[in-house]
């Protein structure tokens, strides 16, 4: 086998490994994440993709006479451009297919009472390609709520069990809910002559938000 053929073979092997890696990763993530027993295979595919495309491309270009290497490089760039376009198309397809599952997962997370379960579902809803590829806005909204809870102790719309937080001037503790007839929410409410965030029963606008989260 000539050096040029070997270089082309290495390059094509790397491209095939890259496509396989991306396809398997995206497919498994859409169905709940790559199983742990496949991570070593995925790592091997990533190494093969990187080394194959770089080493194969360099060897293939060097196999040409010096006066023809520019044309060979341009052909290699054209191949890589086509590959990049295919990868971009794949990522866009992933984004489109990912949005509905992300919304279902993060809507469920916002309704979940347990803080630890809410965080777990958020990680699943965001997906492994966040923030390169944004999930549904339900997930980014949930992330903002949990970040505010962790960083400044601000209560989310539905305060979770296992957390202490402030809603305006009200302290949330899950053992003493502020609403006896249902879920306690942290919302903008009228309080005498002023309006502020406060704990209490679900308001009309809160009901609309709950219906959106509960919708399939």
N, C-alpha and C. Protein backbone atom coordinates (compact mmCIF):
# COMPACT_ATOMS: atom_id res chain seq x y z
N UNK A 1 0.85 -1.19 0.00
CA UNK A 1 0.00 0.00 0.00
C UNK A 1 0.89 1.26 0.00
N UNK A 2 0.61 2.16 -0.93
CA UNK A 2 1.43 3.37 -1.06
C UNK A 2 1.17 4.32 0.11
N UNK A 3 2.12 5.25 0.39
CA UNK A 3 1.90 6.23 1.46
C UNK A 3 0.62 7.04 1.26
N UNK A 4 0.32 7.36 -0.03
CA UNK A 4 -0.88 8.14 -0.30
C UNK A 4 -2.14 7.36 0.05
N UNK A 5 -2.13 6.09 -0.31
CA UNK A 5 -3.29 5.24 0.01
C UNK A 5 -3.43 5.05 1.50
N UNK A 6 -2.30 4.86 2.19
CA UNK A 6 -2.35 4.72 3.65
C UNK A 6 -2.88 5.99 4.30
N UNK A 7 -2.41 7.14 3.84
CA UNK A 7 -2.90 8.40 4.39
C UNK A 7 -4.39 8.57 4.19
N UNK A 8 -4.86 8.24 2.97
CA UNK A 8 -6.30 8.33 2.68
C UNK A 8 -7.09 7.36 3.55
N UNK A 9 -6.51 6.17 3.76
CA UNK A 9 -7.20 5.17 4.59
C UNK A 9 -7.30 5.65 6.04
N UNK A 10 -6.20 6.20 6.57
CA UNK A 10 -6.23 6.75 7.93
C UNK A 10 -7.28 7.85 8.05
N UNK A 11 -7.26 8.75 7.05
CA UNK A 11 -8.19 9.89 7.07
C UNK A 11 -9.64 9.40 7.03
N UNK A 12 -9.95 8.48 6.13
CA UNK A 12 -11.33 7.97 6.02
C UNK A 12 -11.75 7.22 7.28
N UNK A 13 -10.79 6.52 7.89
CA UNK A 13 -11.09 5.83 9.15
C UNK A 13 -11.44 6.84 10.24
N UNK A 14 -10.67 7.94 10.30
CA UNK A 14 -10.96 8.97 11.27
C UNK A 14 -12.32 9.61 11.06
N UNK A 15 -12.66 9.88 9.79
CA UNK A 15 -13.96 10.46 9.47
C UNK A 15 -15.08 9.51 9.86
N UNK A 16 -14.91 8.23 9.54
CA UNK A 16 -15.94 7.24 9.89
C UNK A 16 -16.11 7.13 11.40
N UNK A 17 -14.99 7.20 12.13
CA UNK A 17 -15.06 7.13 13.60
C UNK A 17 -15.77 8.36 14.15
N UNK A 18 -15.51 9.53 13.56
CA UNK A 18 -16.15 10.77 14.01
C UNK A 18 -17.67 10.71 13.79
N UNK A 19 -18.08 10.25 12.62
CA UNK A 19 -19.51 10.15 12.33
C UNK A 19 -20.17 9.13 13.24
N UNK A 20 -19.50 8.01 13.46
CA UNK A 20 -20.05 6.98 14.35
C UNK A 20 -20.18 7.50 15.77
N UNK A 21 -19.14 8.18 16.24
CA UNK A 21 -19.17 8.75 17.60
C UNK A 21 -20.34 9.71 17.75
N UNK A 22 -20.49 10.64 16.82
CA UNK A 22 -21.57 11.62 16.92
C UNK A 22 -22.94 10.99 16.85
N UNK A 23 -23.10 10.02 15.95
CA UNK A 23 -24.40 9.38 15.79
C UNK A 23 -24.80 8.60 17.04
N UNK A 24 -23.86 7.81 17.56
CA UNK A 24 -24.16 7.00 18.75
C UNK A 24 -24.41 7.89 19.96
N UNK A 25 -23.59 8.93 20.11
CA UNK A 25 -23.73 9.83 21.25
C UNK A 25 -25.09 10.51 21.25
N UNK A 26 -25.47 11.06 20.11
CA UNK A 26 -26.75 11.77 20.01
C UNK A 26 -27.92 10.81 20.21
N UNK A 27 -27.85 9.64 19.58
CA UNK A 27 -28.95 8.69 19.67
C UNK A 27 -29.17 8.22 21.11
N UNK A 28 -28.08 7.85 21.77
CA UNK A 28 -28.23 7.38 23.15
C UNK A 28 -28.68 8.49 24.08
N UNK A 29 -28.20 9.71 23.86
CA UNK A 29 -28.62 10.81 24.72
C UNK A 29 -30.12 11.07 24.59
N UNK A 30 -30.64 11.01 23.38
CA UNK A 30 -32.08 11.23 23.18
C UNK A 30 -32.90 10.17 23.91
N UNK A 31 -32.28 9.01 24.15
CA UNK A 31 -33.00 7.94 24.84
C UNK A 31 -32.57 7.77 26.28
N UNK A 32 -31.86 8.78 26.82
CA UNK A 32 -31.56 8.74 28.25
C UNK A 32 -30.10 8.74 28.62
N UNK A 33 -29.19 8.93 27.66
CA UNK A 33 -27.77 8.99 28.00
C UNK A 33 -27.00 7.75 27.61
N UNK A 34 -25.72 7.93 27.33
CA UNK A 34 -24.88 6.81 26.93
C UNK A 34 -24.63 5.90 28.13
N UNK A 35 -24.90 4.58 28.02
CA UNK A 35 -24.64 3.68 29.14
C UNK A 35 -23.17 3.68 29.53
N UNK A 36 -22.90 3.50 30.81
CA UNK A 36 -21.52 3.54 31.29
C UNK A 36 -20.64 2.50 30.63
N UNK A 37 -21.22 1.34 30.31
CA UNK A 37 -20.40 0.29 29.72
C UNK A 37 -19.97 0.60 28.28
N UNK A 38 -20.51 1.70 27.71
CA UNK A 38 -20.10 2.10 26.36
C UNK A 38 -19.12 3.26 26.37
N UNK A 39 -18.84 3.83 27.55
CA UNK A 39 -17.99 5.01 27.58
C UNK A 39 -16.59 4.73 27.07
N UNK A 40 -16.03 3.57 27.37
CA UNK A 40 -14.69 3.26 26.88
C UNK A 40 -14.67 3.15 25.36
N UNK A 41 -15.73 2.58 24.80
CA UNK A 41 -15.84 2.50 23.35
C UNK A 41 -15.94 3.89 22.75
N UNK A 42 -16.73 4.77 23.39
CA UNK A 42 -16.89 6.13 22.90
C UNK A 42 -15.57 6.90 22.98
N UNK A 43 -14.83 6.69 24.05
CA UNK A 43 -13.53 7.36 24.19
C UNK A 43 -12.57 6.89 23.10
N UNK A 44 -12.59 5.58 22.82
CA UNK A 44 -11.72 5.03 21.77
C UNK A 44 -12.10 5.61 20.40
N UNK A 45 -13.39 5.74 20.15
CA UNK A 45 -13.84 6.33 18.89
C UNK A 45 -13.39 7.78 18.76
N UNK A 46 -13.45 8.54 19.87
CA UNK A 46 -13.03 9.94 19.84
C UNK A 46 -11.54 10.05 19.53
N UNK A 47 -10.71 9.20 20.15
CA UNK A 47 -9.27 9.21 19.90
C UNK A 47 -8.98 8.82 18.46
N UNK A 48 -9.68 7.80 17.98
CA UNK A 48 -9.48 7.33 16.61
C UNK A 48 -9.88 8.42 15.61
N UNK A 49 -10.98 9.11 15.89
CA UNK A 49 -11.45 10.18 14.99
C UNK A 49 -10.42 11.30 14.91
N UNK A 50 -9.90 11.72 16.06
CA UNK A 50 -8.96 12.83 16.10
C UNK A 50 -7.63 12.46 15.44
N UNK A 51 -7.08 11.32 15.84
CA UNK A 51 -5.78 10.92 15.30
C UNK A 51 -5.87 10.55 13.82
N UNK A 52 -6.97 9.88 13.45
CA UNK A 52 -7.12 9.44 12.05
C UNK A 52 -7.21 10.61 11.09
N UNK A 53 -8.04 11.60 11.41
CA UNK A 53 -8.20 12.73 10.49
C UNK A 53 -6.93 13.57 10.40
N UNK A 54 -6.26 13.79 11.53
CA UNK A 54 -5.06 14.64 11.52
C UNK A 54 -3.89 13.92 10.86
N UNK A 55 -3.59 12.72 11.38
CA UNK A 55 -2.44 11.96 10.85
C UNK A 55 -2.68 11.58 9.39
N UNK A 56 -3.89 11.10 9.10
CA UNK A 56 -4.19 10.69 7.73
C UNK A 56 -4.12 11.86 6.77
N UNK A 57 -4.67 13.01 7.17
CA UNK A 57 -4.65 14.18 6.29
C UNK A 57 -3.23 14.66 6.02
N UNK A 58 -2.40 14.73 7.06
CA UNK A 58 -1.02 15.17 6.90
C UNK A 58 -0.23 14.21 6.01
N UNK A 59 -0.40 12.91 6.23
CA UNK A 59 0.33 11.92 5.42
C UNK A 59 -0.11 11.97 3.96
N UNK A 60 -1.40 12.15 3.77
CA UNK A 60 -1.92 12.18 2.40
C UNK A 60 -1.38 13.39 1.65
N UNK A 61 -1.34 14.56 2.30
CA UNK A 61 -0.81 15.76 1.65
C UNK A 61 0.69 15.62 1.37
N UNK A 62 1.44 15.06 2.32
CA UNK A 62 2.88 14.91 2.14
C UNK A 62 3.24 13.90 1.07
N UNK A 63 2.29 13.02 0.73
CA UNK A 63 2.57 12.00 -0.29
C UNK A 63 2.61 12.58 -1.70
N UNK A 64 2.11 13.80 -1.86
CA UNK A 64 2.10 14.44 -3.16
C UNK A 64 3.42 15.18 -3.40
N UNK A 65 3.81 15.32 -4.66
CA UNK A 65 4.98 16.16 -4.97
C UNK A 65 4.77 17.58 -4.45
N UNK A 66 5.83 18.25 -4.12
CA UNK A 66 5.72 19.58 -3.50
C UNK A 66 4.90 20.56 -4.33
N UNK A 67 4.99 20.46 -5.68
CA UNK A 67 4.26 21.40 -6.51
C UNK A 67 2.75 21.10 -6.56
N UNK A 68 2.35 19.93 -6.10
CA UNK A 68 0.94 19.56 -6.13
C UNK A 68 0.29 19.57 -4.74
N UNK A 69 1.08 19.90 -3.76
CA UNK A 69 0.55 19.84 -2.39
C UNK A 69 -0.51 20.90 -2.12
N UNK A 70 -0.43 22.04 -2.77
CA UNK A 70 -1.45 23.08 -2.58
C UNK A 70 -2.81 22.58 -3.05
N UNK A 71 -2.83 21.97 -4.24
CA UNK A 71 -4.10 21.43 -4.75
C UNK A 71 -4.60 20.31 -3.84
N UNK A 72 -3.67 19.48 -3.36
CA UNK A 72 -4.07 18.39 -2.46
C UNK A 72 -4.64 18.95 -1.16
N UNK A 73 -4.01 20.02 -0.66
CA UNK A 73 -4.51 20.65 0.56
C UNK A 73 -5.90 21.21 0.36
N UNK A 74 -6.13 21.84 -0.82
CA UNK A 74 -7.45 22.39 -1.11
C UNK A 74 -8.51 21.29 -1.19
N UNK A 75 -8.13 20.15 -1.76
CA UNK A 75 -9.07 19.03 -1.81
C UNK A 75 -9.38 18.52 -0.41
N UNK A 76 -8.34 18.47 0.43
CA UNK A 76 -8.56 18.03 1.81
C UNK A 76 -9.46 19.01 2.55
N UNK A 77 -9.24 20.32 2.31
CA UNK A 77 -10.09 21.33 2.95
C UNK A 77 -11.54 21.18 2.47
N UNK A 78 -11.73 20.87 1.19
CA UNK A 78 -13.08 20.69 0.66
C UNK A 78 -13.76 19.50 1.34
N UNK A 79 -13.00 18.43 1.54
CA UNK A 79 -13.57 17.26 2.22
C UNK A 79 -13.94 17.62 3.65
N UNK A 80 -13.04 18.33 4.34
CA UNK A 80 -13.32 18.72 5.72
C UNK A 80 -14.51 19.68 5.79
N UNK A 81 -14.64 20.57 4.78
CA UNK A 81 -15.79 21.48 4.74
C UNK A 81 -17.10 20.72 4.58
N UNK A 82 -17.06 19.72 3.70
CA UNK A 82 -18.26 18.88 3.53
C UNK A 82 -18.59 18.15 4.81
N UNK A 83 -17.55 17.64 5.47
CA UNK A 83 -17.75 16.95 6.74
C UNK A 83 -18.33 17.90 7.78
N UNK A 84 -17.80 19.13 7.83
CA UNK A 84 -18.31 20.11 8.80
C UNK A 84 -19.78 20.41 8.53
N UNK A 85 -20.14 20.49 7.25
CA UNK A 85 -21.55 20.74 6.91
C UNK A 85 -22.43 19.59 7.37
N UNK A 86 -21.94 18.37 7.19
CA UNK A 86 -22.71 17.20 7.62
C UNK A 86 -22.84 17.17 9.14
N UNK A 87 -21.75 17.53 9.84
CA UNK A 87 -21.80 17.58 11.30
C UNK A 87 -22.78 18.66 11.76
N UNK A 88 -22.73 19.82 11.08
CA UNK A 88 -23.67 20.89 11.42
C UNK A 88 -25.11 20.46 11.22
N UNK A 89 -25.37 19.74 10.13
CA UNK A 89 -26.72 19.24 9.88
C UNK A 89 -27.13 18.25 10.96
N UNK A 90 -26.16 17.41 11.36
CA UNK A 90 -26.45 16.46 12.42
C UNK A 90 -26.76 17.14 13.74
N UNK A 91 -25.99 18.20 14.07
CA UNK A 91 -26.23 18.93 15.31
C UNK A 91 -27.59 19.64 15.28
N UNK A 92 -27.94 20.18 14.11
CA UNK A 92 -29.25 20.84 14.01
C UNK A 92 -30.38 19.83 14.19
N UNK A 93 -30.21 18.65 13.58
CA UNK A 93 -31.21 17.59 13.75
C UNK A 93 -31.31 17.18 15.21
N UNK A 94 -30.16 17.07 15.86
CA UNK A 94 -30.13 16.74 17.28
C UNK A 94 -30.89 17.78 18.09
N UNK A 95 -30.65 19.07 17.77
CA UNK A 95 -31.31 20.16 18.48
C UNK A 95 -32.83 20.06 18.32
N UNK A 96 -33.28 19.83 17.11
CA UNK A 96 -34.73 19.74 16.86
C UNK A 96 -35.34 18.56 17.60
N UNK A 97 -34.66 17.41 17.54
CA UNK A 97 -35.19 16.21 18.18
C UNK A 97 -35.08 16.27 19.70
N UNK A 98 -34.14 17.07 20.20
CA UNK A 98 -33.87 17.13 21.64
C UNK A 98 -34.87 18.02 22.37
N UNK A 99 -35.47 18.98 21.70
CA UNK A 99 -36.28 19.98 22.39
C UNK A 99 -37.48 19.38 23.11
N UNK A 100 -38.22 18.50 22.44
CA UNK A 100 -39.42 17.93 23.07
C UNK A 100 -39.07 17.09 24.29
N UNK A 101 -38.08 16.17 24.21
CA UNK A 101 -37.70 15.44 25.43
C UNK A 101 -37.20 16.35 26.54
N UNK A 102 -36.44 17.40 26.18
CA UNK A 102 -35.95 18.34 27.20
C UNK A 102 -37.11 19.02 27.92
N UNK A 103 -38.11 19.42 27.15
CA UNK A 103 -39.26 20.10 27.76
C UNK A 103 -39.98 19.17 28.73
N UNK A 104 -40.19 17.92 28.33
CA UNK A 104 -40.89 16.97 29.20
C UNK A 104 -40.11 16.73 30.49
N UNK A 105 -38.79 16.58 30.36
CA UNK A 105 -37.95 16.29 31.53
C UNK A 105 -37.94 17.48 32.49
N UNK A 106 -37.75 18.69 31.95
CA UNK A 106 -37.63 19.87 32.82
C UNK A 106 -38.97 20.34 33.36
N UNK A 107 -40.05 20.08 32.62
CA UNK A 107 -41.38 20.37 33.18
C UNK A 107 -41.64 19.46 34.37
N UNK A 108 -41.29 18.20 34.23
CA UNK A 108 -41.42 17.26 35.35
C UNK A 108 -40.55 17.70 36.52
N UNK A 109 -39.33 18.18 36.20
CA UNK A 109 -38.41 18.61 37.26
C UNK A 109 -38.98 19.79 38.04
N UNK A 110 -39.59 20.76 37.35
CA UNK A 110 -40.12 21.93 38.04
C UNK A 110 -41.28 21.56 38.97
N UNK A 111 -41.97 20.49 38.63
CA UNK A 111 -43.09 20.05 39.47
C UNK A 111 -42.66 19.11 40.58
N UNK A 112 -41.42 18.60 40.49
CA UNK A 112 -40.91 17.67 41.49
C UNK A 112 -40.61 18.41 42.80
N UNK A 113 -41.02 17.83 43.92
CA UNK A 113 -40.84 18.50 45.22
C UNK A 113 -39.41 18.39 45.73
N UNK A 114 -38.74 17.28 45.46
CA UNK A 114 -37.39 17.06 46.00
C UNK A 114 -36.36 17.90 45.26
N UNK A 115 -35.52 18.63 46.01
CA UNK A 115 -34.48 19.44 45.40
C UNK A 115 -33.44 18.58 44.70
N UNK A 116 -33.03 17.48 45.33
CA UNK A 116 -32.02 16.62 44.72
C UNK A 116 -32.54 16.00 43.42
N UNK A 117 -33.80 15.59 43.39
CA UNK A 117 -34.37 15.03 42.18
C UNK A 117 -34.51 16.10 41.10
N UNK A 118 -34.82 17.32 41.51
CA UNK A 118 -34.94 18.42 40.56
C UNK A 118 -33.59 18.68 39.88
N UNK A 119 -32.52 18.67 40.65
CA UNK A 119 -31.19 18.88 40.09
C UNK A 119 -30.81 17.74 39.14
N UNK A 120 -31.15 16.52 39.54
CA UNK A 120 -30.83 15.36 38.70
C UNK A 120 -31.55 15.45 37.36
N UNK A 121 -32.84 15.79 37.39
CA UNK A 121 -33.60 15.89 36.16
C UNK A 121 -33.11 17.06 35.30
N UNK A 122 -32.66 18.13 35.93
CA UNK A 122 -32.14 19.26 35.17
C UNK A 122 -30.93 18.84 34.36
N UNK A 123 -30.00 18.10 34.98
CA UNK A 123 -28.82 17.63 34.25
C UNK A 123 -29.22 16.79 33.05
N UNK A 124 -30.21 15.95 33.25
CA UNK A 124 -30.69 15.11 32.15
C UNK A 124 -31.35 15.96 31.07
N UNK A 125 -32.12 16.96 31.49
CA UNK A 125 -32.82 17.80 30.52
C UNK A 125 -31.89 18.69 29.71
N UNK A 126 -30.84 19.20 30.34
CA UNK A 126 -29.90 20.07 29.63
C UNK A 126 -29.16 19.30 28.55
N UNK A 127 -28.85 18.04 28.82
CA UNK A 127 -28.13 17.24 27.83
C UNK A 127 -26.64 17.51 27.85
N UNK A 128 -25.85 16.61 27.26
CA UNK A 128 -24.39 16.72 27.32
C UNK A 128 -23.81 17.82 26.44
N UNK A 129 -24.57 18.34 25.48
CA UNK A 129 -24.05 19.36 24.58
C UNK A 129 -24.40 20.78 25.03
N UNK A 130 -25.04 20.95 26.19
CA UNK A 130 -25.29 22.28 26.74
C UNK A 130 -23.97 22.85 27.27
N UNK A 131 -23.62 24.11 27.02
CA UNK A 131 -24.42 25.16 26.39
C UNK A 131 -24.18 25.33 24.91
N UNK A 132 -23.44 24.38 24.28
CA UNK A 132 -23.22 24.48 22.83
C UNK A 132 -24.56 24.43 22.10
N UNK A 133 -25.41 23.52 22.54
CA UNK A 133 -26.77 23.43 22.01
C UNK A 133 -27.74 23.61 23.15
N UNK A 134 -28.53 24.68 23.10
CA UNK A 134 -29.51 24.94 24.15
C UNK A 134 -30.66 23.96 24.06
N UNK A 135 -31.15 23.49 25.22
CA UNK A 135 -32.35 22.68 25.23
C UNK A 135 -33.59 23.57 25.17
N UNK A 136 -34.74 23.02 25.49
CA UNK A 136 -35.96 23.82 25.53
C UNK A 136 -35.84 24.90 26.61
N UNK A 137 -36.57 26.01 26.42
CA UNK A 137 -36.50 27.13 27.37
C UNK A 137 -36.95 26.74 28.77
N UNK A 138 -37.77 25.68 28.89
CA UNK A 138 -38.17 25.19 30.21
C UNK A 138 -36.96 24.81 31.04
N UNK A 139 -35.96 24.22 30.39
CA UNK A 139 -34.75 23.80 31.10
C UNK A 139 -33.89 24.99 31.50
N UNK A 140 -33.74 25.96 30.59
CA UNK A 140 -32.94 27.13 30.94
C UNK A 140 -33.61 27.95 32.04
N UNK A 141 -34.94 27.98 32.04
CA UNK A 141 -35.67 28.66 33.11
C UNK A 141 -35.43 27.96 34.45
N UNK A 142 -35.50 26.63 34.45
CA UNK A 142 -35.25 25.86 35.66
C UNK A 142 -33.82 26.07 36.14
N UNK A 143 -32.87 26.11 35.21
CA UNK A 143 -31.47 26.32 35.59
C UNK A 143 -31.30 27.69 36.26
N UNK A 144 -31.95 28.72 35.73
CA UNK A 144 -31.86 30.06 36.34
C UNK A 144 -32.42 30.02 37.77
N UNK A 145 -33.53 29.31 37.95
CA UNK A 145 -34.12 29.22 39.29
C UNK A 145 -33.19 28.53 40.28
N UNK A 146 -32.62 27.40 39.86
CA UNK A 146 -31.75 26.66 40.77
C UNK A 146 -30.43 27.39 41.01
N UNK A 147 -29.93 28.10 39.99
CA UNK A 147 -28.72 28.91 40.20
C UNK A 147 -28.99 30.02 41.21
N UNK A 148 -30.15 30.68 41.10
CA UNK A 148 -30.51 31.74 42.04
C UNK A 148 -30.69 31.19 43.45
N UNK A 149 -31.25 29.98 43.55
CA UNK A 149 -31.42 29.34 44.85
C UNK A 149 -30.07 29.06 45.49
N UNK A 150 -29.13 28.58 44.69
CA UNK A 150 -27.82 28.22 45.23
C UNK A 150 -26.97 29.44 45.53
N UNK A 151 -27.03 30.45 44.66
CA UNK A 151 -26.13 31.59 44.79
C UNK A 151 -26.64 32.65 45.77
N UNK A 152 -27.95 32.91 45.78
CA UNK A 152 -28.47 33.98 46.62
C UNK A 152 -29.60 33.55 47.56
N UNK A 153 -29.94 32.25 47.53
CA UNK A 153 -30.99 31.76 48.43
C UNK A 153 -32.38 32.21 48.03
N UNK A 154 -32.57 32.53 46.75
CA UNK A 154 -33.87 32.99 46.26
C UNK A 154 -34.76 31.80 45.91
N UNK A 155 -35.99 31.80 46.39
CA UNK A 155 -36.90 30.68 46.14
C UNK A 155 -37.33 30.61 44.67
N UNK A 156 -37.43 29.41 44.12
CA UNK A 156 -38.03 29.26 42.80
C UNK A 156 -39.56 29.36 42.90
N UNK A 157 -40.21 29.31 41.76
CA UNK A 157 -41.67 29.40 41.70
C UNK A 157 -42.32 28.36 42.61
N UNK A 158 -41.87 27.12 42.53
CA UNK A 158 -42.33 26.07 43.44
C UNK A 158 -41.18 25.71 44.37
N UNK A 159 -41.15 26.24 45.59
CA UNK A 159 -40.04 25.95 46.51
C UNK A 159 -39.95 24.44 46.78
N UNK A 160 -38.77 23.87 46.67
CA UNK A 160 -38.62 22.42 46.84
C UNK A 160 -38.39 22.02 48.29
N UNK A 161 -38.69 20.77 48.59
CA UNK A 161 -38.32 20.23 49.89
C UNK A 161 -36.80 20.06 49.92
N UNK A 162 -36.25 20.08 51.10
CA UNK A 162 -34.81 19.94 51.22
C UNK A 162 -34.06 21.23 50.98
N UNK A 163 -34.77 22.37 51.04
CA UNK A 163 -34.11 23.66 50.82
C UNK A 163 -34.71 24.72 51.73
N UNK A 164 -33.90 25.69 52.11
CA UNK A 164 -34.35 26.89 52.83
C UNK A 164 -34.06 28.06 51.91
N UNK A 165 -35.05 28.90 51.66
CA UNK A 165 -34.84 30.01 50.75
C UNK A 165 -35.77 31.15 51.11
N UNK A 166 -35.50 32.30 50.52
CA UNK A 166 -36.30 33.49 50.78
C UNK A 166 -37.13 33.84 49.55
N UNK A 167 -38.40 34.14 49.80
CA UNK A 167 -39.30 34.65 48.76
C UNK A 167 -39.70 36.04 49.21
N UNK A 168 -39.02 37.06 48.67
CA UNK A 168 -39.21 38.40 49.23
C UNK A 168 -38.68 38.42 50.65
N UNK A 169 -39.57 38.67 51.61
CA UNK A 169 -39.19 38.67 53.02
C UNK A 169 -39.64 37.39 53.73
N UNK A 170 -40.26 36.47 52.99
CA UNK A 170 -40.77 35.23 53.58
C UNK A 170 -39.71 34.14 53.51
N UNK A 171 -39.53 33.44 54.62
CA UNK A 171 -38.60 32.31 54.66
C UNK A 171 -39.36 31.02 54.38
N UNK A 172 -38.86 30.27 53.38
CA UNK A 172 -39.47 28.98 53.06
C UNK A 172 -38.75 27.87 53.81
N UNK A 173 -39.53 27.09 54.56
CA UNK A 173 -39.05 25.83 55.14
C UNK A 173 -40.11 24.80 54.82
N UNK A 174 -39.71 23.68 54.26
CA UNK A 174 -40.68 22.73 53.73
C UNK A 174 -41.56 22.12 54.82
N UNK A 175 -41.12 22.17 56.08
CA UNK A 175 -41.94 21.60 57.16
C UNK A 175 -43.09 22.53 57.57
N UNK A 176 -43.07 23.77 57.05
CA UNK A 176 -44.13 24.72 57.42
C UNK A 176 -44.59 25.46 56.17
N UNK A 177 -45.33 24.78 55.27
CA UNK A 177 -45.77 25.42 54.03
C UNK A 177 -46.71 26.58 54.30
N UNK A 178 -46.73 27.56 53.39
CA UNK A 178 -47.55 28.75 53.57
C UNK A 178 -48.96 28.58 53.01
N UNK A 179 -49.22 27.47 52.33
CA UNK A 179 -50.55 27.23 51.77
C UNK A 179 -51.06 25.89 52.26
N UNK A 180 -52.18 25.89 52.95
CA UNK A 180 -52.71 24.64 53.52
C UNK A 180 -53.59 23.88 52.54
N UNK A 181 -54.00 24.53 51.44
CA UNK A 181 -54.93 23.88 50.52
C UNK A 181 -54.26 23.30 49.27
N UNK A 182 -52.96 23.41 49.17
CA UNK A 182 -52.27 22.88 47.99
C UNK A 182 -50.81 23.27 47.99
N UNK A 183 -50.20 23.32 46.79
CA UNK A 183 -48.79 23.65 46.67
C UNK A 183 -48.54 25.11 47.03
N UNK A 184 -47.46 25.35 47.73
CA UNK A 184 -47.03 26.71 48.04
C UNK A 184 -46.18 27.23 46.89
N UNK A 185 -46.45 28.47 46.48
CA UNK A 185 -45.67 29.07 45.40
C UNK A 185 -45.05 30.37 45.86
N UNK A 186 -43.97 30.74 45.19
CA UNK A 186 -43.33 32.04 45.41
C UNK A 186 -43.69 32.90 44.21
N UNK A 187 -44.58 33.87 44.43
CA UNK A 187 -45.09 34.69 43.32
C UNK A 187 -45.21 36.15 43.73
N UNK A 188 -45.41 37.01 42.71
CA UNK A 188 -45.65 38.43 42.91
C UNK A 188 -47.08 38.62 43.40
N UNK A 189 -47.24 39.18 44.60
CA UNK A 189 -48.57 39.28 45.20
C UNK A 189 -48.81 40.68 45.76
N UNK A 190 -50.08 41.01 45.87
CA UNK A 190 -50.48 42.26 46.54
C UNK A 190 -50.45 42.04 48.05
N UNK A 191 -49.79 42.94 48.74
CA UNK A 191 -49.70 42.87 50.19
C UNK A 191 -50.04 44.24 50.76
N UNK A 192 -51.34 44.44 51.01
CA UNK A 192 -51.78 45.75 51.49
C UNK A 192 -51.63 46.79 50.40
N UNK A 193 -50.82 47.80 50.66
CA UNK A 193 -50.64 48.88 49.69
C UNK A 193 -49.40 48.68 48.82
N UNK A 194 -48.82 47.52 48.86
CA UNK A 194 -47.63 47.28 48.04
C UNK A 194 -47.69 45.88 47.42
N UNK A 195 -46.80 45.65 46.43
CA UNK A 195 -46.68 44.35 45.79
C UNK A 195 -45.25 43.85 45.92
N UNK A 196 -45.14 42.56 46.17
CA UNK A 196 -43.80 41.98 46.33
C UNK A 196 -43.91 40.47 46.21
N UNK A 197 -42.78 39.82 46.02
CA UNK A 197 -42.75 38.36 46.05
C UNK A 197 -43.09 37.88 47.45
N UNK A 198 -43.93 36.86 47.52
CA UNK A 198 -44.30 36.31 48.82
C UNK A 198 -44.75 34.87 48.64
N UNK A 199 -44.68 34.11 49.70
CA UNK A 199 -45.15 32.72 49.69
C UNK A 199 -46.66 32.69 49.90
N UNK A 200 -47.31 31.71 49.29
CA UNK A 200 -48.74 31.58 49.46
C UNK A 200 -49.31 30.55 48.50
N UNK A 201 -50.64 30.52 48.39
CA UNK A 201 -51.29 29.60 47.46
C UNK A 201 -51.14 30.10 46.02
N UNK A 202 -51.39 29.22 45.09
CA UNK A 202 -51.19 29.54 43.68
C UNK A 202 -52.13 30.65 43.24
N UNK A 203 -51.60 31.66 42.55
CA UNK A 203 -52.42 32.73 41.99
C UNK A 203 -52.95 32.32 40.62
N UNK A 204 -53.72 33.21 40.01
CA UNK A 204 -54.28 32.91 38.69
C UNK A 204 -53.17 32.74 37.65
N UNK A 205 -52.19 33.63 37.68
CA UNK A 205 -51.07 33.50 36.74
C UNK A 205 -50.24 32.25 37.04
N UNK A 206 -50.12 31.93 38.32
CA UNK A 206 -49.42 30.71 38.70
C UNK A 206 -50.14 29.46 38.21
N UNK A 207 -51.46 29.48 38.22
CA UNK A 207 -52.25 28.37 37.70
C UNK A 207 -51.96 28.15 36.22
N UNK A 208 -51.85 29.24 35.47
CA UNK A 208 -51.54 29.12 34.05
C UNK A 208 -50.18 28.49 33.84
N UNK A 209 -49.23 28.91 34.65
CA UNK A 209 -47.89 28.33 34.53
C UNK A 209 -47.89 26.85 34.89
N UNK A 210 -48.62 26.47 35.92
CA UNK A 210 -48.71 25.06 36.29
C UNK A 210 -49.34 24.24 35.18
N UNK A 211 -50.39 24.79 34.54
CA UNK A 211 -51.03 24.05 33.43
C UNK A 211 -50.06 23.84 32.26
N UNK A 212 -49.23 24.85 32.01
CA UNK A 212 -48.23 24.71 30.96
C UNK A 212 -47.22 23.61 31.27
N UNK A 213 -46.80 23.56 32.55
CA UNK A 213 -45.84 22.54 32.96
C UNK A 213 -46.45 21.15 32.94
N UNK A 214 -47.74 21.06 33.25
CA UNK A 214 -48.40 19.76 33.30
C UNK A 214 -48.87 19.28 31.93
N UNK A 215 -48.85 20.18 30.93
CA UNK A 215 -49.29 19.80 29.60
C UNK A 215 -48.31 18.78 29.01
N UNK A 216 -48.81 17.80 28.24
CA UNK A 216 -47.92 16.79 27.66
C UNK A 216 -46.99 17.39 26.61
